[in-house]
mmCIF file of all heavy atoms, coordinates in Angstrom:
data_MODEL
# 
_entry.id   MODEL 
# 
loop_
_atom_site.group_PDB 
_atom_site.id 
_atom_site.type_symbol 
_atom_site.label_atom_id 
_atom_site.label_alt_id 
_atom_site.label_comp_id 
_atom_site.label_asym_id 
_atom_site.label_entity_id 
_atom_site.label_seq_id 
_atom_site.pdbx_PDB_ins_code 
_atom_site.Cartn_x 
_atom_site.Cartn_y 
_atom_site.Cartn_z 
_atom_site.occupancy 
_atom_site.B_iso_or_equiv 
_atom_site.pdbx_formal_charge 
_atom_site.auth_seq_id 
_atom_site.auth_comp_id 
_atom_site.auth_asym_id 
_atom_site.auth_atom_id 
_atom_site.pdbx_PDB_model_num 
ATOM 1   N N   . LEU A 1 1  ? -23.573 100.476 134.273 1.00 0.00 ? 1  LEU A N   1 
ATOM 2   C CA  . LEU A 1 1  ? -24.381 101.682 134.347 1.00 0.00 ? 1  LEU A CA  1 
ATOM 3   C C   . LEU A 1 1  ? -24.120 102.551 133.128 1.00 0.00 ? 1  LEU A C   1 
ATOM 4   O O   . LEU A 1 1  ? -23.021 102.566 132.590 1.00 0.00 ? 1  LEU A O   1 
ATOM 5   C CB  . LEU A 1 1  ? -24.047 102.473 135.614 1.00 0.00 ? 1  LEU A CB  1 
ATOM 6   C CG  . LEU A 1 1  ? -24.226 101.758 136.940 1.00 0.00 ? 1  LEU A CG  1 
ATOM 7   C CD1 . LEU A 1 1  ? -23.737 102.640 138.076 1.00 0.00 ? 1  LEU A CD1 1 
ATOM 8   C CD2 . LEU A 1 1  ? -25.656 101.355 137.157 1.00 0.00 ? 1  LEU A CD2 1 
ATOM 9   N N   . GLU A 1 2  ? -25.139 103.288 132.722 1.00 0.00 ? 2  GLU A N   1 
ATOM 10  C CA  . GLU A 1 2  ? -24.981 104.221 131.614 1.00 0.00 ? 2  GLU A CA  1 
ATOM 11  C C   . GLU A 1 2  ? -26.065 105.289 131.701 1.00 0.00 ? 2  GLU A C   1 
ATOM 12  O O   . GLU A 1 2  ? -27.098 105.093 132.337 1.00 0.00 ? 2  GLU A O   1 
ATOM 13  C CB  . GLU A 1 2  ? -25.068 103.500 130.275 1.00 0.00 ? 2  GLU A CB  1 
ATOM 14  C CG  . GLU A 1 2  ? -26.407 102.834 130.027 1.00 0.00 ? 2  GLU A CG  1 
ATOM 15  C CD  . GLU A 1 2  ? -26.438 102.070 128.718 1.00 0.00 ? 2  GLU A CD  1 
ATOM 16  O OE1 . GLU A 1 2  ? -26.545 102.716 127.650 1.00 0.00 ? 2  GLU A OE1 1 
ATOM 17  O OE2 . GLU A 1 2  ? -26.368 100.837 128.776 1.00 0.00 ? 2  GLU A OE2 1 
ATOM 18  N N   . PHE A 1 3  ? -25.799 106.414 131.080 1.00 0.00 ? 3  PHE A N   1 
ATOM 19  C CA  . PHE A 1 3  ? -26.798 107.461 130.976 1.00 0.00 ? 3  PHE A CA  1 
ATOM 20  C C   . PHE A 1 3  ? -27.560 107.281 129.672 1.00 0.00 ? 3  PHE A C   1 
ATOM 21  O O   . PHE A 1 3  ? -26.952 107.079 128.618 1.00 0.00 ? 3  PHE A O   1 
ATOM 22  C CB  . PHE A 1 3  ? -26.144 108.855 130.984 1.00 0.00 ? 3  PHE A CB  1 
ATOM 23  C CG  . PHE A 1 3  ? -25.833 109.349 132.365 1.00 0.00 ? 3  PHE A CG  1 
ATOM 24  C CD1 . PHE A 1 3  ? -24.577 109.190 132.905 1.00 0.00 ? 3  PHE A CD1 1 
ATOM 25  C CD2 . PHE A 1 3  ? -26.810 109.977 133.119 1.00 0.00 ? 3  PHE A CD2 1 
ATOM 26  C CE1 . PHE A 1 3  ? -24.285 109.651 134.174 1.00 0.00 ? 3  PHE A CE1 1 
ATOM 27  C CE2 . PHE A 1 3  ? -26.540 110.441 134.387 1.00 0.00 ? 3  PHE A CE2 1 
ATOM 28  C CZ  . PHE A 1 3  ? -25.273 110.279 134.928 1.00 0.00 ? 3  PHE A CZ  1 
ATOM 29  N N   . ILE A 1 4  ? -28.895 107.325 129.766 1.00 0.00 ? 4  ILE A N   1 
ATOM 30  C CA  . ILE A 1 4  ? -29.735 107.316 128.572 1.00 0.00 ? 4  ILE A CA  1 
ATOM 31  C C   . ILE A 1 4  ? -30.753 108.448 128.709 1.00 0.00 ? 4  ILE A C   1 
ATOM 32  O O   . ILE A 1 4  ? -30.990 108.955 129.814 1.00 0.00 ? 4  ILE A O   1 
ATOM 33  C CB  . ILE A 1 4  ? -30.444 105.961 128.334 1.00 0.00 ? 4  ILE A CB  1 
ATOM 34  C CG1 . ILE A 1 4  ? -31.425 105.642 129.455 1.00 0.00 ? 4  ILE A CG1 1 
ATOM 35  C CG2 . ILE A 1 4  ? -29.435 104.847 128.137 1.00 0.00 ? 4  ILE A CG2 1 
ATOM 36  C CD1 . ILE A 1 4  ? -32.318 104.449 129.149 1.00 0.00 ? 4  ILE A CD1 1 
ATOM 37  N N   . ASN A 1 5  ? -31.369 108.805 127.611 1.00 0.00 ? 5  ASN A N   1 
ATOM 38  C CA  . ASN A 1 5  ? -32.370 109.857 127.619 1.00 0.00 ? 5  ASN A CA  1 
ATOM 39  C C   . ASN A 1 5  ? -33.533 109.458 128.529 1.00 0.00 ? 5  ASN A C   1 
ATOM 40  O O   . ASN A 1 5  ? -33.965 108.301 128.525 1.00 0.00 ? 5  ASN A O   1 
ATOM 41  C CB  . ASN A 1 5  ? -32.865 110.110 126.199 1.00 0.00 ? 5  ASN A CB  1 
ATOM 42  C CG  . ASN A 1 5  ? -33.778 111.303 126.124 1.00 0.00 ? 5  ASN A CG  1 
ATOM 43  O OD1 . ASN A 1 5  ? -34.960 111.199 126.426 1.00 0.00 ? 5  ASN A OD1 1 
ATOM 44  N ND2 . ASN A 1 5  ? -33.215 112.433 125.737 1.00 0.00 ? 5  ASN A ND2 1 
ATOM 45  N N   . ILE A 1 6  ? -34.036 110.417 129.287 1.00 0.00 ? 6  ILE A N   1 
ATOM 46  C CA  . ILE A 1 6  ? -35.132 110.138 130.229 1.00 0.00 ? 6  ILE A CA  1 
ATOM 47  C C   . ILE A 1 6  ? -36.355 109.586 129.501 1.00 0.00 ? 6  ILE A C   1 
ATOM 48  O O   . ILE A 1 6  ? -37.003 108.653 129.985 1.00 0.00 ? 6  ILE A O   1 
ATOM 49  C CB  . ILE A 1 6  ? -35.477 111.398 131.037 1.00 0.00 ? 6  ILE A CB  1 
ATOM 50  C CG1 . ILE A 1 6  ? -34.359 111.664 132.055 1.00 0.00 ? 6  ILE A CG1 1 
ATOM 51  C CG2 . ILE A 1 6  ? -36.823 111.253 131.738 1.00 0.00 ? 6  ILE A CG2 1 
ATOM 52  C CD1 . ILE A 1 6  ? -34.512 112.931 132.853 1.00 0.00 ? 6  ILE A CD1 1 
ATOM 53  N N   . ARG A 1 7  ? -36.663 110.116 128.327 1.00 0.00 ? 7  ARG A N   1 
ATOM 54  C CA  . ARG A 1 7  ? -37.833 109.620 127.579 1.00 0.00 ? 7  ARG A CA  1 
ATOM 55  C C   . ARG A 1 7  ? -37.699 108.143 127.243 1.00 0.00 ? 7  ARG A C   1 
ATOM 56  O O   . ARG A 1 7  ? -38.662 107.394 127.282 1.00 0.00 ? 7  ARG A O   1 
ATOM 57  C CB  . ARG A 1 7  ? -38.043 110.430 126.315 1.00 0.00 ? 7  ARG A CB  1 
ATOM 58  C CG  . ARG A 1 7  ? -38.528 111.819 126.588 1.00 0.00 ? 7  ARG A CG  1 
ATOM 59  C CD  . ARG A 1 7  ? -38.808 112.551 125.313 1.00 0.00 ? 7  ARG A CD  1 
ATOM 60  N NE  . ARG A 1 7  ? -39.221 113.902 125.609 1.00 0.00 ? 7  ARG A NE  1 
ATOM 61  C CZ  . ARG A 1 7  ? -39.650 114.748 124.715 1.00 0.00 ? 7  ARG A CZ  1 
ATOM 62  N NH1 . ARG A 1 7  ? -39.727 114.383 123.448 1.00 0.00 ? 7  ARG A NH1 1 
ATOM 63  N NH2 . ARG A 1 7  ? -40.005 115.966 125.060 1.00 0.00 ? 7  ARG A NH2 1 
ATOM 64  N N   . GLN A 1 8  ? -36.501 107.734 126.899 1.00 0.00 ? 8  GLN A N   1 
ATOM 65  C CA  . GLN A 1 8  ? -36.259 106.325 126.593 1.00 0.00 ? 8  GLN A CA  1 
ATOM 66  C C   . GLN A 1 8  ? -36.393 105.475 127.857 1.00 0.00 ? 8  GLN A C   1 
ATOM 67  O O   . GLN A 1 8  ? -36.971 104.396 127.822 1.00 0.00 ? 8  GLN A O   1 
ATOM 68  C CB  . GLN A 1 8  ? -34.863 106.159 126.000 1.00 0.00 ? 8  GLN A CB  1 
ATOM 69  C CG  . GLN A 1 8  ? -34.499 104.758 125.634 1.00 0.00 ? 8  GLN A CG  1 
ATOM 70  C CD  . GLN A 1 8  ? -33.065 104.636 125.143 1.00 0.00 ? 8  GLN A CD  1 
ATOM 71  O OE1 . GLN A 1 8  ? -32.357 105.626 125.000 1.00 0.00 ? 8  GLN A OE1 1 
ATOM 72  N NE2 . GLN A 1 8  ? -32.629 103.426 124.883 1.00 0.00 ? 8  GLN A NE2 1 
ATOM 73  N N   . ALA A 1 9  ? -35.898 105.979 128.968 1.00 0.00 ? 9  ALA A N   1 
ATOM 74  C CA  . ALA A 1 9  ? -35.916 105.212 130.216 1.00 0.00 ? 9  ALA A CA  1 
ATOM 75  C C   . ALA A 1 9  ? -37.322 105.017 130.767 1.00 0.00 ? 9  ALA A C   1 
ATOM 76  O O   . ALA A 1 9  ? -37.656 103.935 131.257 1.00 0.00 ? 9  ALA A O   1 
ATOM 77  C CB  . ALA A 1 9  ? -35.043 105.895 131.263 1.00 0.00 ? 9  ALA A CB  1 
ATOM 78  N N   . ILE A 1 10 ? -38.158 106.050 130.694 1.00 0.00 ? 10 ILE A N   1 
ATOM 79  C CA  . ILE A 1 10 ? -39.468 105.941 131.338 1.00 0.00 ? 10 ILE A CA  1 
ATOM 80  C C   . ILE A 1 10 ? -40.436 105.025 130.589 1.00 0.00 ? 10 ILE A C   1 
ATOM 81  O O   . ILE A 1 10 ? -41.472 104.659 131.139 1.00 0.00 ? 10 ILE A O   1 
ATOM 82  C CB  . ILE A 1 10 ? -40.110 107.325 131.581 1.00 0.00 ? 10 ILE A CB  1 
ATOM 83  C CG1 . ILE A 1 10 ? -40.374 108.059 130.280 1.00 0.00 ? 10 ILE A CG1 1 
ATOM 84  C CG2 . ILE A 1 10 ? -39.256 108.149 132.515 1.00 0.00 ? 10 ILE A CG2 1 
ATOM 85  C CD1 . ILE A 1 10 ? -41.093 109.383 130.453 1.00 0.00 ? 10 ILE A CD1 1 
ATOM 86  N N   . GLN A 1 11 ? -40.092 104.630 129.401 1.00 0.00 ? 11 GLN A N   1 
ATOM 87  C CA  . GLN A 1 11 ? -40.946 103.685 128.672 1.00 0.00 ? 11 GLN A CA  1 
ATOM 88  C C   . GLN A 1 11 ? -41.025 102.339 129.384 1.00 0.00 ? 11 GLN A C   1 
ATOM 89  O O   . GLN A 1 11 ? -41.955 101.577 129.170 1.00 0.00 ? 11 GLN A O   1 
ATOM 90  C CB  . GLN A 1 11 ? -40.419 103.482 127.252 1.00 0.00 ? 11 GLN A CB  1 
ATOM 91  C CG  . GLN A 1 11 ? -40.522 104.706 126.395 1.00 0.00 ? 11 GLN A CG  1 
ATOM 92  C CD  . GLN A 1 11 ? -39.898 104.497 125.029 1.00 0.00 ? 11 GLN A CD  1 
ATOM 93  O OE1 . GLN A 1 11 ? -39.496 103.396 124.662 1.00 0.00 ? 11 GLN A OE1 1 
ATOM 94  N NE2 . GLN A 1 11 ? -39.813 105.561 124.262 1.00 0.00 ? 11 GLN A NE2 1 
ATOM 95  N N   . ASN A 1 12 ? -40.048 102.051 130.228 1.00 0.00 ? 12 ASN A N   1 
ATOM 96  C CA  . ASN A 1 12 ? -39.967 100.748 130.881 1.00 0.00 ? 12 ASN A CA  1 
ATOM 97  C C   . ASN A 1 12 ? -40.214 100.808 132.384 1.00 0.00 ? 12 ASN A C   1 
ATOM 98  O O   . ASN A 1 12 ? -39.883 99.866  133.087 1.00 0.00 ? 12 ASN A O   1 
ATOM 99  C CB  . ASN A 1 12 ? -38.576 100.155 130.636 1.00 0.00 ? 12 ASN A CB  1 
ATOM 100 C CG  . ASN A 1 12 ? -38.277 99.995  129.170 1.00 0.00 ? 12 ASN A CG  1 
ATOM 101 O OD1 . ASN A 1 12 ? -38.992 99.297  128.480 1.00 0.00 ? 12 ASN A OD1 1 
ATOM 102 N ND2 . ASN A 1 12 ? -37.256 100.676 128.686 1.00 0.00 ? 12 ASN A ND2 1 
ATOM 103 N N   . MET A 1 13 ? -40.778 101.904 132.883 1.00 0.00 ? 13 MET A N   1 
ATOM 104 C CA  . MET A 1 13 ? -40.909 102.066 134.332 1.00 0.00 ? 13 MET A CA  1 
ATOM 105 C C   . MET A 1 13 ? -42.353 102.299 134.735 1.00 0.00 ? 13 MET A C   1 
ATOM 106 O O   . MET A 1 13 ? -43.189 102.684 133.934 1.00 0.00 ? 13 MET A O   1 
ATOM 107 C CB  . MET A 1 13 ? -40.018 103.209 134.793 1.00 0.00 ? 13 MET A CB  1 
ATOM 108 C CG  . MET A 1 13 ? -38.576 102.953 134.459 1.00 0.00 ? 13 MET A CG  1 
ATOM 109 S SD  . MET A 1 13 ? -37.454 104.040 135.280 1.00 0.00 ? 13 MET A SD  1 
ATOM 110 C CE  . MET A 1 13 ? -35.908 103.419 134.641 1.00 0.00 ? 13 MET A CE  1 
ATOM 111 N N   . SER A 1 14 ? -42.617 102.066 136.006 1.00 0.00 ? 14 SER A N   1 
ATOM 112 C CA  . SER A 1 14 ? -43.973 102.236 136.526 1.00 0.00 ? 14 SER A CA  1 
ATOM 113 C C   . SER A 1 14 ? -44.347 103.712 136.600 1.00 0.00 ? 14 SER A C   1 
ATOM 114 O O   . SER A 1 14 ? -43.487 104.589 136.609 1.00 0.00 ? 14 SER A O   1 
ATOM 115 C CB  . SER A 1 14 ? -44.076 101.612 137.919 1.00 0.00 ? 14 SER A CB  1 
ATOM 116 O OG  . SER A 1 14 ? -43.359 102.393 138.854 1.00 0.00 ? 14 SER A OG  1 
ATOM 117 N N   . ASP A 1 15 ? -45.639 103.973 136.695 1.00 0.00 ? 15 ASP A N   1 
ATOM 118 C CA  . ASP A 1 15 ? -46.134 105.348 136.737 1.00 0.00 ? 15 ASP A CA  1 
ATOM 119 C C   . ASP A 1 15 ? -45.579 106.127 137.922 1.00 0.00 ? 15 ASP A C   1 
ATOM 120 O O   . ASP A 1 15 ? -45.247 107.308 137.791 1.00 0.00 ? 15 ASP A O   1 
ATOM 121 C CB  . ASP A 1 15 ? -47.663 105.363 136.785 1.00 0.00 ? 15 ASP A CB  1 
ATOM 122 C CG  . ASP A 1 15 ? -48.280 104.937 135.459 1.00 0.00 ? 15 ASP A CG  1 
ATOM 123 O OD1 . ASP A 1 15 ? -47.566 104.929 134.433 1.00 0.00 ? 15 ASP A OD1 1 
ATOM 124 O OD2 . ASP A 1 15 ? -49.481 104.632 135.447 1.00 0.00 ? 15 ASP A OD2 1 
ATOM 125 N N   . ASN A 1 16 ? -45.472 105.499 139.087 1.00 0.00 ? 16 ASN A N   1 
ATOM 126 C CA  . ASN A 1 16 ? -44.953 106.190 140.277 1.00 0.00 ? 16 ASN A CA  1 
ATOM 127 C C   . ASN A 1 16 ? -43.498 106.607 140.091 1.00 0.00 ? 16 ASN A C   1 
ATOM 128 O O   . ASN A 1 16 ? -43.110 107.711 140.481 1.00 0.00 ? 16 ASN A O   1 
ATOM 129 C CB  . ASN A 1 16 ? -45.093 105.313 141.517 1.00 0.00 ? 16 ASN A CB  1 
ATOM 130 C CG  . ASN A 1 16 ? -46.540 105.129 141.917 1.00 0.00 ? 16 ASN A CG  1 
ATOM 131 O OD1 . ASN A 1 16 ? -47.401 105.934 141.568 1.00 0.00 ? 16 ASN A OD1 1 
ATOM 132 N ND2 . ASN A 1 16 ? -46.820 104.067 142.627 1.00 0.00 ? 16 ASN A ND2 1 
ATOM 133 N N   . ILE A 1 17 ? -42.700 105.734 139.501 1.00 0.00 ? 17 ILE A N   1 
ATOM 134 C CA  . ILE A 1 17 ? -41.290 106.054 139.251 1.00 0.00 ? 17 ILE A CA  1 
ATOM 135 C C   . ILE A 1 17 ? -41.189 107.155 138.199 1.00 0.00 ? 17 ILE A C   1 
ATOM 136 O O   . ILE A 1 17 ? -40.384 108.080 138.331 1.00 0.00 ? 17 ILE A O   1 
ATOM 137 C CB  . ILE A 1 17 ? -40.516 104.794 138.797 1.00 0.00 ? 17 ILE A CB  1 
ATOM 138 C CG1 . ILE A 1 17 ? -40.577 103.702 139.850 1.00 0.00 ? 17 ILE A CG1 1 
ATOM 139 C CG2 . ILE A 1 17 ? -39.076 105.141 138.445 1.00 0.00 ? 17 ILE A CG2 1 
ATOM 140 C CD1 . ILE A 1 17 ? -39.898 104.023 141.144 1.00 0.00 ? 17 ILE A CD1 1 
ATOM 141 N N   . ILE A 1 18 ? -42.018 107.078 137.169 1.00 0.00 ? 18 ILE A N   1 
ATOM 142 C CA  . ILE A 1 18 ? -42.011 108.102 136.120 1.00 0.00 ? 18 ILE A CA  1 
ATOM 143 C C   . ILE A 1 18 ? -42.315 109.474 136.716 1.00 0.00 ? 18 ILE A C   1 
ATOM 144 O O   . ILE A 1 18 ? -41.640 110.458 136.411 1.00 0.00 ? 18 ILE A O   1 
ATOM 145 C CB  . ILE A 1 18 ? -43.027 107.748 135.010 1.00 0.00 ? 18 ILE A CB  1 
ATOM 146 C CG1 . ILE A 1 18 ? -42.555 106.519 134.248 1.00 0.00 ? 18 ILE A CG1 1 
ATOM 147 C CG2 . ILE A 1 18 ? -43.227 108.927 134.050 1.00 0.00 ? 18 ILE A CG2 1 
ATOM 148 C CD1 . ILE A 1 18 ? -43.590 105.937 133.305 1.00 0.00 ? 18 ILE A CD1 1 
ATOM 149 N N   . LYS A 1 19 ? -43.300 109.545 137.593 1.00 0.00 ? 19 LYS A N   1 
ATOM 150 C CA  . LYS A 1 19 ? -43.654 110.822 138.223 1.00 0.00 ? 19 LYS A CA  1 
ATOM 151 C C   . LYS A 1 19 ? -42.487 111.389 139.020 1.00 0.00 ? 19 LYS A C   1 
ATOM 152 O O   . LYS A 1 19 ? -42.198 112.591 138.957 1.00 0.00 ? 19 LYS A O   1 
ATOM 153 C CB  . LYS A 1 19 ? -44.873 110.643 139.130 1.00 0.00 ? 19 LYS A CB  1 
ATOM 154 C CG  . LYS A 1 19 ? -46.160 110.443 138.369 1.00 0.00 ? 19 LYS A CG  1 
ATOM 155 C CD  . LYS A 1 19 ? -47.315 110.183 139.323 1.00 0.00 ? 19 LYS A CD  1 
ATOM 156 C CE  . LYS A 1 19 ? -48.559 109.809 138.554 1.00 0.00 ? 19 LYS A CE  1 
ATOM 157 N NZ  . LYS A 1 19 ? -49.661 109.432 139.450 1.00 0.00 ? 19 LYS A NZ  1 
ATOM 158 N N   . LEU A 1 20 ? -41.798 110.532 139.770 1.00 0.00 ? 20 LEU A N   1 
ATOM 159 C CA  . LEU A 1 20 ? -40.639 110.979 140.538 1.00 0.00 ? 20 LEU A CA  1 
ATOM 160 C C   . LEU A 1 20 ? -39.531 111.499 139.630 1.00 0.00 ? 20 LEU A C   1 
ATOM 161 O O   . LEU A 1 20 ? -38.957 112.561 139.866 1.00 0.00 ? 20 LEU A O   1 
ATOM 162 C CB  . LEU A 1 20 ? -40.088 109.837 141.403 1.00 0.00 ? 20 LEU A CB  1 
ATOM 163 C CG  . LEU A 1 20 ? -40.854 109.478 142.656 1.00 0.00 ? 20 LEU A CG  1 
ATOM 164 C CD1 . LEU A 1 20 ? -40.289 108.197 143.258 1.00 0.00 ? 20 LEU A CD1 1 
ATOM 165 C CD2 . LEU A 1 20 ? -40.796 110.607 143.653 1.00 0.00 ? 20 LEU A CD2 1 
ATOM 166 N N   . ILE A 1 21 ? -39.227 110.740 138.602 1.00 0.00 ? 21 ILE A N   1 
ATOM 167 C CA  . ILE A 1 21 ? -38.152 111.125 137.675 1.00 0.00 ? 21 ILE A CA  1 
ATOM 168 C C   . ILE A 1 21 ? -38.460 112.470 137.020 1.00 0.00 ? 21 ILE A C   1 
ATOM 169 O O   . ILE A 1 21 ? -37.616 113.364 136.997 1.00 0.00 ? 21 ILE A O   1 
ATOM 170 C CB  . ILE A 1 21 ? -37.936 110.031 136.606 1.00 0.00 ? 21 ILE A CB  1 
ATOM 171 C CG1 . ILE A 1 21 ? -37.347 108.777 137.254 1.00 0.00 ? 21 ILE A CG1 1 
ATOM 172 C CG2 . ILE A 1 21 ? -37.036 110.537 135.481 1.00 0.00 ? 21 ILE A CG2 1 
ATOM 173 C CD1 . ILE A 1 21 ? -37.335 107.563 136.345 1.00 0.00 ? 21 ILE A CD1 1 
ATOM 174 N N   . LEU A 1 22 ? -39.667 112.622 136.513 1.00 0.00 ? 22 LEU A N   1 
ATOM 175 C CA  . LEU A 1 22 ? -40.017 113.858 135.818 1.00 0.00 ? 22 LEU A CA  1 
ATOM 176 C C   . LEU A 1 22 ? -40.072 115.052 136.770 1.00 0.00 ? 22 LEU A C   1 
ATOM 177 O O   . LEU A 1 22 ? -39.665 116.156 136.410 1.00 0.00 ? 22 LEU A O   1 
ATOM 178 C CB  . LEU A 1 22 ? -41.344 113.692 135.073 1.00 0.00 ? 22 LEU A CB  1 
ATOM 179 C CG  . LEU A 1 22 ? -41.309 112.690 133.917 1.00 0.00 ? 22 LEU A CG  1 
ATOM 180 C CD1 . LEU A 1 22 ? -42.685 112.555 133.286 1.00 0.00 ? 22 LEU A CD1 1 
ATOM 181 C CD2 . LEU A 1 22 ? -40.271 113.067 132.885 1.00 0.00 ? 22 LEU A CD2 1 
ATOM 182 N N   . TYR A 1 23 ? -40.541 114.831 137.987 1.00 0.00 ? 23 TYR A N   1 
ATOM 183 C CA  . TYR A 1 23 ? -40.582 115.905 138.977 1.00 0.00 ? 23 TYR A CA  1 
ATOM 184 C C   . TYR A 1 23 ? -39.172 116.430 139.268 1.00 0.00 ? 23 TYR A C   1 
ATOM 185 O O   . TYR A 1 23 ? -38.912 117.631 139.205 1.00 0.00 ? 23 TYR A O   1 
ATOM 186 C CB  . TYR A 1 23 ? -41.247 115.408 140.257 1.00 0.00 ? 23 TYR A CB  1 
ATOM 187 C CG  . TYR A 1 23 ? -41.176 116.389 141.395 1.00 0.00 ? 23 TYR A CG  1 
ATOM 188 C CD1 . TYR A 1 23 ? -42.001 117.508 141.423 1.00 0.00 ? 23 TYR A CD1 1 
ATOM 189 C CD2 . TYR A 1 23 ? -40.276 116.203 142.446 1.00 0.00 ? 23 TYR A CD2 1 
ATOM 190 C CE1 . TYR A 1 23 ? -41.929 118.423 142.468 1.00 0.00 ? 23 TYR A CE1 1 
ATOM 191 C CE2 . TYR A 1 23 ? -40.202 117.107 143.491 1.00 0.00 ? 23 TYR A CE2 1 
ATOM 192 C CZ  . TYR A 1 23 ? -41.031 118.213 143.494 1.00 0.00 ? 23 TYR A CZ  1 
ATOM 193 O OH  . TYR A 1 23 ? -40.956 119.117 144.524 1.00 0.00 ? 23 TYR A OH  1 
ATOM 194 N N   . TYR A 1 24 ? -38.250 115.523 139.572 1.00 0.00 ? 24 TYR A N   1 
ATOM 195 C CA  . TYR A 1 24 ? -36.891 115.950 139.904 1.00 0.00 ? 24 TYR A CA  1 
ATOM 196 C C   . TYR A 1 24 ? -36.132 116.456 138.683 1.00 0.00 ? 24 TYR A C   1 
ATOM 197 O O   . TYR A 1 24 ? -35.304 117.347 138.792 1.00 0.00 ? 24 TYR A O   1 
ATOM 198 C CB  . TYR A 1 24 ? -36.144 114.838 140.636 1.00 0.00 ? 24 TYR A CB  1 
ATOM 199 C CG  . TYR A 1 24 ? -36.588 114.730 142.062 1.00 0.00 ? 24 TYR A CG  1 
ATOM 200 C CD1 . TYR A 1 24 ? -37.414 113.718 142.485 1.00 0.00 ? 24 TYR A CD1 1 
ATOM 201 C CD2 . TYR A 1 24 ? -36.199 115.696 142.994 1.00 0.00 ? 24 TYR A CD2 1 
ATOM 202 C CE1 . TYR A 1 24 ? -37.860 113.643 143.799 1.00 0.00 ? 24 TYR A CE1 1 
ATOM 203 C CE2 . TYR A 1 24 ? -36.636 115.630 144.313 1.00 0.00 ? 24 TYR A CE2 1 
ATOM 204 C CZ  . TYR A 1 24 ? -37.458 114.604 144.706 1.00 0.00 ? 24 TYR A CZ  1 
ATOM 205 O OH  . TYR A 1 24 ? -37.897 114.547 146.010 1.00 0.00 ? 24 TYR A OH  1 
ATOM 206 N N   . GLN A 1 25 ? -36.430 115.933 137.519 1.00 0.00 ? 25 GLN A N   1 
ATOM 207 C CA  . GLN A 1 25 ? -35.782 116.440 136.312 1.00 0.00 ? 25 GLN A CA  1 
ATOM 208 C C   . GLN A 1 25 ? -36.187 117.884 136.054 1.00 0.00 ? 25 GLN A C   1 
ATOM 209 O O   . GLN A 1 25 ? -35.371 118.707 135.678 1.00 0.00 ? 25 GLN A O   1 
ATOM 210 C CB  . GLN A 1 25 ? -36.158 115.544 135.117 1.00 0.00 ? 25 GLN A CB  1 
ATOM 211 C CG  . GLN A 1 25 ? -35.295 115.784 133.915 1.00 0.00 ? 25 GLN A CG  1 
ATOM 212 C CD  . GLN A 1 25 ? -35.978 116.597 132.832 1.00 0.00 ? 25 GLN A CD  1 
ATOM 213 O OE1 . GLN A 1 25 ? -37.187 116.734 132.817 1.00 0.00 ? 25 GLN A OE1 1 
ATOM 214 N NE2 . GLN A 1 25 ? -35.181 117.154 131.948 1.00 0.00 ? 25 GLN A NE2 1 
ATOM 215 N N   . GLN A 1 26 ? -37.436 118.227 136.323 1.00 0.00 ? 26 GLN A N   1 
ATOM 216 C CA  . GLN A 1 26 ? -37.887 119.614 136.174 1.00 0.00 ? 26 GLN A CA  1 
ATOM 217 C C   . GLN A 1 26 ? -37.208 120.522 137.179 1.00 0.00 ? 26 GLN A C   1 
ATOM 218 O O   . GLN A 1 26 ? -36.857 121.647 136.866 1.00 0.00 ? 26 GLN A O   1 
ATOM 219 C CB  . GLN A 1 26 ? -39.394 119.704 136.333 1.00 0.00 ? 26 GLN A CB  1 
ATOM 220 C CG  . GLN A 1 26 ? -40.147 119.142 135.152 1.00 0.00 ? 26 GLN A CG  1 
ATOM 221 C CD  . GLN A 1 26 ? -41.655 119.173 135.366 1.00 0.00 ? 26 GLN A CD  1 
ATOM 222 O OE1 . GLN A 1 26 ? -42.147 119.439 136.443 1.00 0.00 ? 26 GLN A OE1 1 
ATOM 223 N NE2 . GLN A 1 26 ? -42.394 118.872 134.307 1.00 0.00 ? 26 GLN A NE2 1 
ATOM 224 N N   . LEU A 1 27 ? -37.005 120.057 138.390 1.00 0.00 ? 27 LEU A N   1 
ATOM 225 C CA  . LEU A 1 27 ? -36.330 120.862 139.401 1.00 0.00 ? 27 LEU A CA  1 
ATOM 226 C C   . LEU A 1 27 ? -34.874 121.129 139.032 1.00 0.00 ? 27 LEU A C   1 
ATOM 227 O O   . LEU A 1 27 ? -34.351 122.228 139.263 1.00 0.00 ? 27 LEU A O   1 
ATOM 228 C CB  . LEU A 1 27 ? -36.372 120.177 140.768 1.00 0.00 ? 27 LEU A CB  1 
ATOM 229 C CG  . LEU A 1 27 ? -37.725 120.150 141.468 1.00 0.00 ? 27 LEU A CG  1 
ATOM 230 C CD1 . LEU A 1 27 ? -37.603 119.404 142.797 1.00 0.00 ? 27 LEU A CD1 1 
ATOM 231 C CD2 . LEU A 1 27 ? -38.265 121.542 141.697 1.00 0.00 ? 27 LEU A CD2 1 
ATOM 232 N N   . ILE A 1 28 ? -34.228 120.134 138.459 1.00 0.00 ? 28 ILE A N   1 
ATOM 233 C CA  . ILE A 1 28 ? -32.816 120.274 138.099 1.00 0.00 ? 28 ILE A CA  1 
ATOM 234 C C   . ILE A 1 28 ? -32.643 121.224 136.926 1.00 0.00 ? 28 ILE A C   1 
ATOM 235 O O   . ILE A 1 28 ? -31.744 122.044 136.907 1.00 0.00 ? 28 ILE A O   1 
ATOM 236 C CB  . ILE A 1 28 ? -32.207 118.889 137.780 1.00 0.00 ? 28 ILE A CB  1 
ATOM 237 C CG1 . ILE A 1 28 ? -32.099 118.077 139.059 1.00 0.00 ? 28 ILE A CG1 1 
ATOM 238 C CG2 . ILE A 1 28 ? -30.851 119.025 137.103 1.00 0.00 ? 28 ILE A CG2 1 
ATOM 239 C CD1 . ILE A 1 28 ? -31.724 116.627 138.841 1.00 0.00 ? 28 ILE A CD1 1 
ATOM 240 N N   . ASN A 1 29 ? -33.512 121.106 135.942 1.00 0.00 ? 29 ASN A N   1 
ATOM 241 C CA  . ASN A 1 29 ? -33.385 121.938 134.747 1.00 0.00 ? 29 ASN A CA  1 
ATOM 242 C C   . ASN A 1 29 ? -34.255 123.147 134.881 1.00 0.00 ? 29 ASN A C   1 
ATOM 243 O O   . ASN A 1 29 ? -34.257 124.078 134.283 1.00 0.00 ? 29 ASN A O   1 
ATOM 244 C CB  . ASN A 1 29 ? -33.727 121.136 133.484 1.00 0.00 ? 29 ASN A CB  1 
ATOM 245 C CG  . ASN A 1 29 ? -32.711 120.029 133.259 1.00 0.00 ? 29 ASN A CG  1 
ATOM 246 O OD1 . ASN A 1 29 ? -31.528 120.223 133.418 1.00 0.00 ? 29 ASN A OD1 1 
ATOM 247 N ND2 . ASN A 1 29 ? -33.188 118.864 132.912 1.00 0.00 ? 29 ASN A ND2 1 
# 
């Protein structure tokens, strides 16, 4: 496991997962 930048990670993920990640990232920050 490792931490990588969210922008780098979402390049390889489906649209539904991207929406979830970005939604919760906005809530956290």
